[in-house]
């Protein structure tokens, strides 16, 4: 199923920027399309989404899956792993990830 908002790559993978939005939306109990101002800060307020997606696209293409990016967004600590995982924890929490999403 394809739509104008579909950000999947040709291989069907979801870019990390979209995976972050989807993971936070799931945690917040809202549809990803509702993750917009003024209720939510845009992702670009904490990270350049194009640069993030490019970093992981490049690491996938070169077979280097050890890239890791950590950031705080909307009260959650988010860690994007080179193997496609996106971990989401409440900020300041030592608990296991609330959401562990794979980019495929």
C-alpha atoms as a PDB file:
ATOM      1  CA  UNK A   1       0.000   0.000   0.000  1.00  0.00           C
ATOM      2  CA  UNK A   2       1.544   3.274  -1.079  1.00  0.00           C
ATOM      3  CA  UNK A   3       0.488   6.773  -0.210  1.00  0.00           C
ATOM      4  CA  UNK A   4       1.941  10.269  -0.623  1.00  0.00           C
ATOM      5  CA  UNK A   5       3.145  10.075   2.985  1.00  0.00           C
ATOM      6  CA  UNK A   6       4.835   6.709   2.508  1.00  0.00           C
ATOM      7  CA  UNK A   7       8.524   7.177   3.321  1.00  0.00           C
ATOM      8  CA  UNK A   8       9.640   3.586   2.807  1.00  0.00           C
ATOM      9  CA  UNK A   9      12.691   3.041   0.677  1.00  0.00           C
ATOM     10  CA  UNK A  10      12.610   0.925  -2.482  1.00  0.00           C
ATOM     11  CA  UNK A  11      13.619  -2.080  -0.356  1.00  0.00           C
ATOM     12  CA  UNK A  12      10.659  -1.469   1.975  1.00  0.00           C
ATOM     13  CA  UNK A  13      12.726  -0.155   4.889  1.00  0.00           C
ATOM     14  CA  UNK A  14      11.498   2.791   6.897  1.00  0.00           C
ATOM     15  CA  UNK A  15      14.119   5.537   7.257  1.00  0.00           C
ATOM     16  CA  UNK A  16      15.315   6.187  10.830  1.00  0.00           C
ATOM     17  CA  UNK A  17      13.648   9.611  10.963  1.00  0.00           C
ATOM     18  CA  UNK A  18      10.263   8.032  10.220  1.00  0.00           C
ATOM     19  CA  UNK A  19      10.925   5.122  12.595  1.00  0.00           C
ATOM     20  CA  UNK A  20      11.551   7.623  15.419  1.00  0.00           C
ATOM     21  CA  UNK A  21       8.258   9.401  14.713  1.00  0.00           C
ATOM     22  CA  UNK A  22       6.391   6.081  14.571  1.00  0.00           C
ATOM     23  CA  UNK A  23       7.966   4.838  17.817  1.00  0.00           C
ATOM     24  CA  UNK A  24       7.184   8.037  19.727  1.00  0.00           C
ATOM     25  CA  UNK A  25       3.653   8.125  18.292  1.00  0.00           C
ATOM     26  CA  UNK A  26       3.097   4.536  19.440  1.00  0.00           C
ATOM     27  CA  UNK A  27       4.301   5.430  22.917  1.00  0.00           C
ATOM     28  CA  UNK A  28       2.088   8.521  23.000  1.00  0.00           C
ATOM     29  CA  UNK A  29      -0.908   6.562  21.681  1.00  0.00           C
ATOM     30  CA  UNK A  30      -1.370   8.775  18.632  1.00  0.00           C
ATOM     31  CA  UNK A  31      -1.191   8.289  14.893  1.00  0.00           C
ATOM     32  CA  UNK A  32       2.206   9.303  13.450  1.00  0.00           C
ATOM     33  CA  UNK A  33       0.431  11.916  11.320  1.00  0.00           C
ATOM     34  CA  UNK A  34      -0.594  13.661  14.560  1.00  0.00           C
ATOM     35  CA  UNK A  35       3.049  14.211  15.563  1.00  0.00           C
ATOM     36  CA  UNK A  36       3.128  17.846  14.487  1.00  0.00           C
ATOM     37  CA  UNK A  37       3.263  21.302  16.059  1.00  0.00           C
ATOM     38  CA  UNK A  38       2.029  22.756  18.249  1.00  0.00           C
ATOM     39  CA  UNK A  39       1.452  19.586  20.299  1.00  0.00           C
ATOM     40  CA  UNK A  40       4.798  18.057  19.311  1.00  0.00           C
ATOM     41  CA  UNK A  41       8.099  19.639  18.387  1.00  0.00           C
ATOM     42  CA  UNK A  42       9.270  18.804  14.873  1.00  0.00           C
ATOM     43  CA  UNK A  43      11.981  16.160  14.765  1.00  0.00           C
ATOM     44  CA  UNK A  44      14.278  18.654  13.053  1.00  0.00           C
ATOM     45  CA  UNK A  45      14.348  20.657  16.305  1.00  0.00           C
ATOM     46  CA  UNK A  46      16.693  17.985  17.735  1.00  0.00           C
ATOM     47  CA  UNK A  47      18.301  16.335  14.691  1.00  0.00           C
ATOM     48  CA  UNK A  48      18.593  16.906  10.960  1.00  0.00           C
ATOM     49  CA  UNK A  49      16.313  14.118   9.636  1.00  0.00           C
ATOM     50  CA  UNK A  50      17.951  14.094   6.185  1.00  0.00           C
ATOM     51  CA  UNK A  51      21.433  13.771   7.693  1.00  0.00           C
ATOM     52  CA  UNK A  52      20.242  11.005  10.042  1.00  0.00           C
ATOM     53  CA  UNK A  53      18.686   9.037   7.189  1.00  0.00           C
ATOM     54  CA  UNK A  54      21.772   9.579   5.033  1.00  0.00           C
ATOM     55  CA  UNK A  55      24.087   8.366   7.797  1.00  0.00           C
ATOM     56  CA  UNK A  56      22.234   5.081   8.153  1.00  0.00           C
ATOM     57  CA  UNK A  57      21.671   4.683   4.414  1.00  0.00           C
ATOM     58  CA  UNK A  58      25.436   5.021   3.941  1.00  0.00           C
ATOM     59  CA  UNK A  59      26.260   2.644   6.795  1.00  0.00           C
ATOM     60  CA  UNK A  60      23.860   0.040   5.362  1.00  0.00           C
ATOM     61  CA  UNK A  61      25.337   0.408   1.881  1.00  0.00           C
ATOM     62  CA  UNK A  62      28.885  -0.067   3.147  1.00  0.00           C
ATOM     63  CA  UNK A  63      27.967  -2.928   5.481  1.00  0.00           C
ATOM     64  CA  UNK A  64      29.002  -0.966   8.560  1.00  0.00           C
ATOM     65  CA  UNK A  65      26.180  -1.578  10.979  1.00  0.00           C
ATOM     66  CA  UNK A  66      27.924  -0.263  14.083  1.00  0.00           C
ATOM     67  CA  UNK A  67      26.626   3.318  13.761  1.00  0.00           C
ATOM     68  CA  UNK A  68      24.656   4.574  16.777  1.00  0.00           C
ATOM     69  CA  UNK A  69      22.890   7.900  17.243  1.00  0.00           C
ATOM     70  CA  UNK A  70      21.343   8.892  20.577  1.00  0.00           C
ATOM     71  CA  UNK A  71      19.066  11.877  21.100  1.00  0.00           C
ATOM     72  CA  UNK A  72      16.293  13.151  23.335  1.00  0.00           C
ATOM     73  CA  UNK A  73      12.942  13.902  21.731  1.00  0.00           C
ATOM     74  CA  UNK A  74       9.574  14.681  23.308  1.00  0.00           C
ATOM     75  CA  UNK A  75      10.620  13.420  26.749  1.00  0.00           C
ATOM     76  CA  UNK A  76      12.123  10.177  25.461  1.00  0.00           C
ATOM     77  CA  UNK A  77      15.686   8.998  25.024  1.00  0.00           C
ATOM     78  CA  UNK A  78      15.959   7.588  21.509  1.00  0.00           C
ATOM     79  CA  UNK A  79      18.796   5.388  20.261  1.00  0.00           C
ATOM     80  CA  UNK A  80      19.044   4.483  16.578  1.00  0.00           C
ATOM     81  CA  UNK A  81      21.303   1.490  15.909  1.00  0.00           C
ATOM     82  CA  UNK A  82      23.078   0.604  12.679  1.00  0.00           C
ATOM     83  CA  UNK A  83      21.341  -2.780  12.627  1.00  0.00           C
ATOM     84  CA  UNK A  84      17.973  -1.069  12.211  1.00  0.00           C
ATOM     85  CA  UNK A  85      16.751  -0.971  15.812  1.00  0.00           C
ATOM     86  CA  UNK A  86      15.235   2.156  17.309  1.00  0.00           C
ATOM     87  CA  UNK A  87      15.060   2.029  21.123  1.00  0.00           C
ATOM     88  CA  UNK A  88      12.843   4.458  23.028  1.00  0.00           C
ATOM     89  CA  UNK A  89      13.046   5.021  26.805  1.00  0.00           C
ATOM     90  CA  UNK A  90      11.399   7.636  28.960  1.00  0.00           C
ATOM     91  CA  UNK A  91      14.059  10.289  29.555  1.00  0.00           C
ATOM     92  CA  UNK A  92      16.114   9.641  32.660  1.00  0.00           C
ATOM     93  CA  UNK A  93      14.820   6.065  32.952  1.00  0.00           C
ATOM     94  CA  UNK A  94      17.129   3.119  33.509  1.00  0.00           C
ATOM     95  CA  UNK A  95      14.447   0.698  32.321  1.00  0.00           C
ATOM     96  CA  UNK A  96      14.355  -1.454  29.212  1.00  0.00           C
ATOM     97  CA  UNK A  97      13.215   0.220  26.017  1.00  0.00           C
ATOM     98  CA  UNK A  98       9.547   1.114  25.907  1.00  0.00           C
ATOM     99  CA  UNK A  99       9.622   0.547  22.183  1.00  0.00           C
ATOM    100  CA  UNK A 100      12.147  -1.479  20.238  1.00  0.00           C
ATOM    101  CA  UNK A 101      11.382  -0.920  16.586  1.00  0.00           C
ATOM    102  CA  UNK A 102      13.239  -2.448  13.655  1.00  0.00           C
ATOM    103  CA  UNK A 103      13.486  -0.350  10.504  1.00  0.00           C
ATOM    104  CA  UNK A 104      12.321  -3.117   8.175  1.00  0.00           C
END
